[in-house]
Amino acid sequence: MPRTAFFVSDRTGITAEMLGHSLLTQFDDVNFRRITLPYIDNRDKAEETATLIRQQAAADQCRPIVFSTMVDATLRKIIHVEEALTLDFFQIFIDPLERELGRESSHIQGKSHGISNFEEYKARIDAVNFTISHDDGVMPRDLNEADIILIGVSRSAKTPTCLYLALQYGIKAANYPLTPEDFGAHTLPRLLLPYRTKLFGLTIDPERLSQIREERKPGSKYAQFDNCQFEVNEAEALMRHVGVPYLSSTTRSIEELATSIMHRAGLVRRTF
C-alpha cells in the first residue's frame, strides 16, 4: 500500500513540496501518494486539514507524513496530530536561526514566493518574456541582451531548459536549433557568429531522440534513428570544432541541466 504524504502550507505550498519531495526521493522502494494543501491560512482550514489527515490515517491504516511550512504557530499546532508524522520546516529551521541571530523572525506569510522585491520579480518576468520570444531560432535584433544561447538538434531539451533558467534564475536564455543545413560548412550559422561567447550546447542519445521525435511526428524521416544519429553526430562535431561546451540531456533533468549550465557558463542568478 502506498504511504500518503501531505504538503501543507499557508501560501502556495511550493517550498513544502520541494523540500518534502527531496526527502522522499531517498526512499526508492516506497510508493508515496502526494497531496498538496495550499493556503491553509486560518483556523477553520487548519481544522479541516487536521480532520483530513486523521481520516487518511484511518483509511491507510498507517501514519501519513506531513510536510509543513506554516508560519503561524497556532495553525501549526492544529495540523500537528498524533495520527501523523509531521515535519515542520519552520519549526526545524526558524527556531535555531532565531536563537543564533538573537532576534525573532518576521513570521510573515508568503515571503519566499511573494513579491517582496519588485526588481527581482520584474527581472524574472522580463527573462521569461525574453525566452519565449527568442525560442526555436527566433532571432530579433535584441539578441545581444541574451545571457546565454542554447544550441542543439531539435528536441534536445533546449526550450524547457531555457524556460527553467528564466523562471528560476532570471536568466535571459535564447535557443537555436541546429539542422542538417547547418552542418555542411562546419562552422556556426551566420546568425550565431556575433554571439560565440554566449553559446552553450545540448546533445542527446540518438535512440532517445528518435523515441521523442516519433511521439511528435510518427513514421517521419525526422524521427528515424539513422537521421537522428546523423544529426547528433554532426551537431556534436560542429560544437567541438568551434569550441562550444555542451551537455547531454539524455539522463539529466531540466533542473540538473540548468544548474550545470549556470555553473559552467559562470552565470549569476538575478532572482531567488
Protein backbone atom coordinates (compact mmCIF):
# COMPACT_ATOMS: atom_id res chain seq x y z
CA MET A 1 0.00 0.00 0.00
CA PRO A 2 1.26 3.50 -0.74
CA ARG A 3 2.09 5.88 2.06
CA THR A 4 0.34 9.25 1.96
CA ALA A 5 2.43 12.42 2.08
CA PHE A 6 0.77 15.77 2.71
CA PHE A 7 2.39 19.08 1.77
CA VAL A 8 0.67 21.75 3.87
CA SER A 9 1.29 25.49 3.60
CA ASP A 10 -0.32 28.81 4.41
CA ARG A 11 0.68 30.01 0.94
CA THR A 12 1.49 28.24 -2.36
CA GLY A 13 2.99 25.05 -0.94
CA ILE A 14 5.95 25.22 -3.32
CA THR A 15 8.57 25.18 -0.55
CA ALA A 16 6.90 22.28 1.27
CA GLU A 17 6.68 20.32 -1.97
CA MET A 18 10.30 20.96 -2.95
CA LEU A 19 11.80 20.11 0.43
CA GLY A 20 9.45 17.21 1.06
CA HIS A 21 9.95 15.73 -2.38
CA SER A 22 13.73 15.93 -1.96
CA LEU A 23 13.46 13.84 1.19
CA LEU A 24 11.01 11.31 -0.26
CA THR A 25 13.22 10.61 -3.28
CA GLN A 26 15.68 8.94 -0.92
CA PHE A 27 13.20 6.06 -0.44
CA ASP A 28 13.02 4.33 -3.82
CA ASP A 29 11.14 1.29 -2.53
CA VAL A 30 8.21 3.26 -1.08
CA ASN A 31 5.25 4.34 -3.16
CA PHE A 32 4.02 7.75 -1.98
CA ARG A 33 0.59 9.23 -2.62
CA ARG A 34 1.18 13.01 -2.62
CA ILE A 35 -1.48 15.53 -1.57
CA THR A 36 -0.78 19.28 -1.57
CA LEU A 37 -2.92 21.58 0.57
CA PRO A 38 -2.04 25.26 -0.09
CA TYR A 39 -3.44 28.41 1.52
CA ILE A 40 -4.26 26.86 4.90
CA ASP A 41 -4.26 30.32 6.45
CA ASN A 42 -6.99 30.32 9.10
CA ARG A 43 -8.29 28.17 11.97
CA ASP A 44 -11.20 26.65 10.02
CA LYS A 45 -8.95 25.50 7.18
CA ALA A 46 -6.38 24.16 9.64
CA GLU A 47 -9.01 22.13 11.49
CA GLU A 48 -10.35 20.75 8.19
CA THR A 49 -6.79 19.77 7.29
CA ALA A 50 -6.30 18.01 10.63
CA THR A 51 -9.53 16.07 10.06
CA LEU A 52 -8.44 15.09 6.55
CA ILE A 53 -5.09 13.84 7.87
CA ARG A 54 -6.81 11.74 10.56
CA GLN A 55 -9.22 10.29 8.00
CA GLN A 56 -6.35 9.39 5.69
CA ALA A 57 -4.52 7.69 8.55
CA ALA A 58 -7.60 5.58 9.27
CA ALA A 59 -8.05 4.69 5.60
CA ASP A 60 -4.37 3.80 5.10
CA GLN A 61 -4.01 2.01 8.44
CA CYS A 62 -0.68 3.79 8.86
CA ARG A 63 0.51 7.27 9.66
CA PRO A 64 0.65 9.82 6.84
CA ILE A 65 3.72 12.02 6.58
CA VAL A 66 3.02 15.74 6.77
CA PHE A 67 5.49 18.31 5.45
CA SER A 68 4.52 21.73 6.73
CA THR A 69 5.68 25.29 6.10
CA MET A 70 3.10 27.02 8.27
CA VAL A 71 4.28 30.35 9.69
CA ASP A 72 1.54 30.82 12.30
CA ALA A 73 2.38 28.79 15.41
CA THR A 74 -1.28 28.37 16.36
CA LEU A 75 -2.18 26.89 12.98
CA ARG A 76 0.90 24.66 13.10
CA LYS A 77 -0.30 23.13 16.37
CA ILE A 78 -3.75 22.40 14.93
CA ILE A 79 -2.45 20.34 11.98
CA HIS A 80 0.14 18.58 14.17
CA VAL A 81 -1.94 15.48 15.00
CA GLU A 82 -0.85 12.28 16.72
CA GLU A 83 -2.06 10.17 13.81
CA ALA A 84 0.68 11.52 11.50
CA LEU A 85 4.40 12.17 11.40
CA THR A 86 4.66 15.94 10.97
CA LEU A 87 7.87 17.55 9.77
CA ASP A 88 7.53 21.27 10.30
CA PHE A 89 10.23 23.03 8.34
CA PHE A 90 9.67 26.38 10.04
CA GLN A 91 9.98 24.87 13.49
CA ILE A 92 13.03 22.85 12.46
CA PHE A 93 14.91 25.75 10.90
CA ILE A 94 13.47 29.07 12.10
CA ASP A 95 13.76 28.39 15.83
CA PRO A 96 17.54 27.64 15.69
CA LEU A 97 18.04 30.68 13.44
CA GLU A 98 16.20 32.94 15.88
CA ARG A 99 18.39 31.70 18.73
CA GLU A 100 21.57 32.13 16.72
CA LEU A 101 20.69 35.62 15.43
CA GLY A 102 19.27 36.75 18.75
CA ARG A 103 16.03 38.05 17.28
CA GLU A 104 12.61 36.85 16.18
CA SER A 105 11.76 36.30 12.55
CA SER A 106 9.03 38.37 10.92
CA HIS A 107 6.57 35.42 10.81
CA ILE A 108 5.02 36.95 7.67
CA GLN A 109 3.23 34.51 5.37
CA GLY A 110 4.31 34.14 1.75
CA LYS A 111 7.66 35.96 1.88
CA SER A 112 9.57 33.29 -0.03
CA HIS A 113 7.22 33.24 -3.05
CA GLY A 114 5.59 36.63 -2.79
CA ILE A 115 6.66 39.87 -4.48
CA SER A 116 8.88 41.06 -1.65
CA ASN A 117 11.44 42.54 -4.06
CA PHE A 118 9.80 44.14 -7.09
CA GLU A 119 13.07 44.46 -9.05
CA GLU A 120 13.82 40.75 -8.67
CA TYR A 121 10.27 39.85 -9.65
CA LYS A 122 10.47 42.13 -12.71
CA ALA A 123 13.78 40.54 -13.69
CA ARG A 124 12.11 37.12 -13.62
CA ILE A 125 9.14 38.23 -15.73
CA ASP A 126 11.40 40.04 -18.22
CA ALA A 127 13.56 36.91 -18.53
CA VAL A 128 10.54 34.66 -19.16
CA ASN A 129 9.14 37.03 -21.80
CA PHE A 130 12.56 37.27 -23.47
CA THR A 131 12.96 33.50 -23.51
CA ILE A 132 9.52 32.92 -25.02
CA SER A 133 10.13 35.48 -27.77
CA HIS A 134 13.56 34.01 -28.59
CA ASP A 135 12.54 30.36 -28.80
CA ASP A 136 13.46 27.94 -31.57
CA GLY A 137 15.65 30.18 -33.68
CA VAL A 138 13.60 33.36 -33.49
CA MET A 139 16.33 35.99 -33.60
CA PRO A 140 15.10 39.58 -33.15
CA ARG A 141 17.57 42.44 -33.05
CA ASP A 142 17.81 42.44 -29.27
CA LEU A 143 19.54 39.04 -29.15
CA ASN A 144 22.58 40.82 -27.75
CA GLU A 145 20.61 41.06 -24.48
CA ALA A 146 20.70 37.28 -24.08
CA ASP A 147 22.71 35.95 -21.16
CA ILE A 148 23.07 32.61 -22.91
CA ILE A 149 22.01 30.96 -26.19
CA LEU A 150 21.46 27.19 -26.19
CA ILE A 151 22.11 25.32 -29.40
CA GLY A 152 21.50 21.69 -30.37
CA VAL A 153 19.37 19.47 -32.55
CA SER A 154 15.59 19.68 -32.43
CA ARG A 155 14.01 18.06 -29.31
CA SER A 156 17.20 18.02 -27.23
CA ALA A 157 15.50 19.90 -24.33
CA LYS A 158 16.60 23.42 -25.26
CA THR A 159 13.23 25.12 -24.76
CA PRO A 160 12.34 23.69 -21.32
CA THR A 161 15.88 24.34 -20.10
CA CYS A 162 15.69 27.95 -21.27
CA LEU A 163 12.34 28.44 -19.55
CA TYR A 164 13.68 26.95 -16.32
CA LEU A 165 16.70 29.26 -16.44
CA ALA A 166 14.39 32.24 -16.90
CA LEU A 167 11.85 31.29 -14.25
CA GLN A 168 14.21 30.07 -11.54
CA TYR A 169 17.27 32.25 -12.11
CA GLY A 170 16.05 35.29 -14.03
CA ILE A 171 18.38 34.41 -16.92
CA LYS A 172 17.54 35.66 -20.42
CA ALA A 173 18.02 32.48 -22.44
CA ALA A 174 17.50 32.09 -26.18
CA ASN A 175 17.85 28.90 -28.21
CA TYR A 176 18.67 27.97 -31.78
CA PRO A 177 18.02 24.54 -33.37
CA LEU A 178 20.87 23.06 -35.40
CA THR A 179 19.54 21.46 -38.60
CA PRO A 180 21.18 19.48 -41.43
CA GLU A 181 21.51 22.75 -43.36
CA ASP A 182 23.92 23.98 -40.67
CA PHE A 183 26.33 21.05 -40.86
CA GLY A 184 27.88 21.33 -44.33
CA ALA A 185 30.01 24.42 -43.70
CA HIS A 186 31.49 23.08 -40.43
CA THR A 187 31.09 26.46 -38.85
CA LEU A 188 28.43 28.27 -36.85
CA PRO A 189 25.34 29.60 -38.61
CA ARG A 190 25.86 33.24 -39.61
CA LEU A 191 23.24 34.49 -37.13
CA LEU A 192 25.19 32.99 -34.22
CA LEU A 193 28.69 34.19 -35.12
CA PRO A 194 28.46 37.54 -33.25
CA TYR A 195 27.39 35.70 -30.08
CA ARG A 196 30.02 32.97 -29.96
CA THR A 197 30.88 33.59 -26.29
CA LYS A 198 27.23 33.21 -25.25
CA LEU A 199 26.70 29.78 -26.81
CA PHE A 200 26.18 26.54 -24.88
CA GLY A 201 25.19 23.25 -26.46
CA LEU A 202 22.81 20.43 -25.59
CA THR A 203 23.02 16.98 -27.12
CA ILE A 204 21.11 13.73 -26.61
CA ASP A 205 21.44 10.00 -27.26
CA PRO A 206 20.21 9.29 -30.82
CA GLU A 207 18.00 6.39 -29.73
CA ARG A 208 16.27 8.51 -27.11
CA LEU A 209 15.93 11.36 -29.62
CA SER A 210 14.28 9.02 -32.09
CA GLN A 211 11.74 7.97 -29.44
CA ILE A 212 10.90 11.59 -28.60
CA ARG A 213 10.54 12.60 -32.24
CA GLU A 214 8.43 9.53 -33.03
CA GLU A 215 5.89 10.71 -30.47
CA ARG A 216 5.81 14.10 -32.15
CA LYS A 217 5.85 13.00 -35.82
CA PRO A 218 5.20 9.24 -36.11
CA GLY A 219 6.71 7.49 -39.11
CA SER A 220 8.61 10.55 -40.36
CA LYS A 221 12.18 10.75 -41.59
CA TYR A 222 12.62 13.36 -38.86
CA ALA A 223 12.14 10.60 -36.27
CA GLN A 224 14.12 7.80 -37.95
CA PHE A 225 17.06 6.54 -35.91
CA ASP A 226 19.58 6.89 -38.76
CA ASN A 227 18.59 10.52 -39.26
CA CYS A 228 18.74 11.23 -35.52
CA GLN A 229 22.16 9.61 -35.29
CA PHE A 230 23.42 11.69 -38.21
CA GLU A 231 22.13 14.96 -36.73
CA VAL A 232 23.51 14.27 -33.25
CA ASN A 233 26.94 13.24 -34.56
CA GLU A 234 27.17 16.28 -36.83
CA ALA A 235 25.98 18.67 -34.16
CA GLU A 236 28.49 17.35 -31.62
CA ALA A 237 31.29 17.52 -34.21
CA LEU A 238 30.36 21.11 -35.02
CA MET A 239 30.30 22.14 -31.36
CA ARG A 240 33.66 20.51 -30.72
CA HIS A 241 35.13 22.15 -33.83
CA VAL A 242 34.11 25.67 -32.85
CA GLY A 243 34.76 25.13 -29.14
CA VAL A 244 31.19 25.35 -27.79
CA PRO A 245 30.80 23.45 -24.50
CA TYR A 246 27.87 21.06 -24.38
CA LEU A 247 26.00 18.63 -22.12
CA SER A 248 23.88 15.57 -22.80
CA SER A 249 20.23 15.83 -21.79
CA THR A 250 19.65 12.07 -22.09
CA THR A 251 19.75 11.27 -18.38
CA ARG A 252 19.79 14.74 -16.85
CA SER A 253 16.70 16.50 -15.56
CA ILE A 254 15.91 20.07 -16.55
CA GLU A 255 16.98 21.16 -13.06
CA GLU A 256 20.35 19.42 -13.44
CA LEU A 257 20.92 20.87 -16.90
CA ALA A 258 20.12 24.41 -15.79
CA THR A 259 22.30 24.19 -12.69
CA SER A 260 25.24 22.78 -14.67
CA ILE A 261 24.89 25.47 -17.33
CA MET A 262 24.77 28.21 -14.68
CA HIS A 263 27.96 26.86 -13.12
CA ARG A 264 29.93 26.12 -16.28
CA ALA A 265 28.93 29.35 -18.06
CA GLY A 266 29.64 31.48 -14.99
CA LEU A 267 26.15 32.97 -14.93
CA VAL A 268 24.86 34.84 -11.87
CA ARG A 269 21.25 34.39 -10.83
CA ARG A 270 19.14 37.53 -10.75
CA THR A 271 16.22 36.26 -8.69
CA PHE A 272 15.54 33.99 -5.72
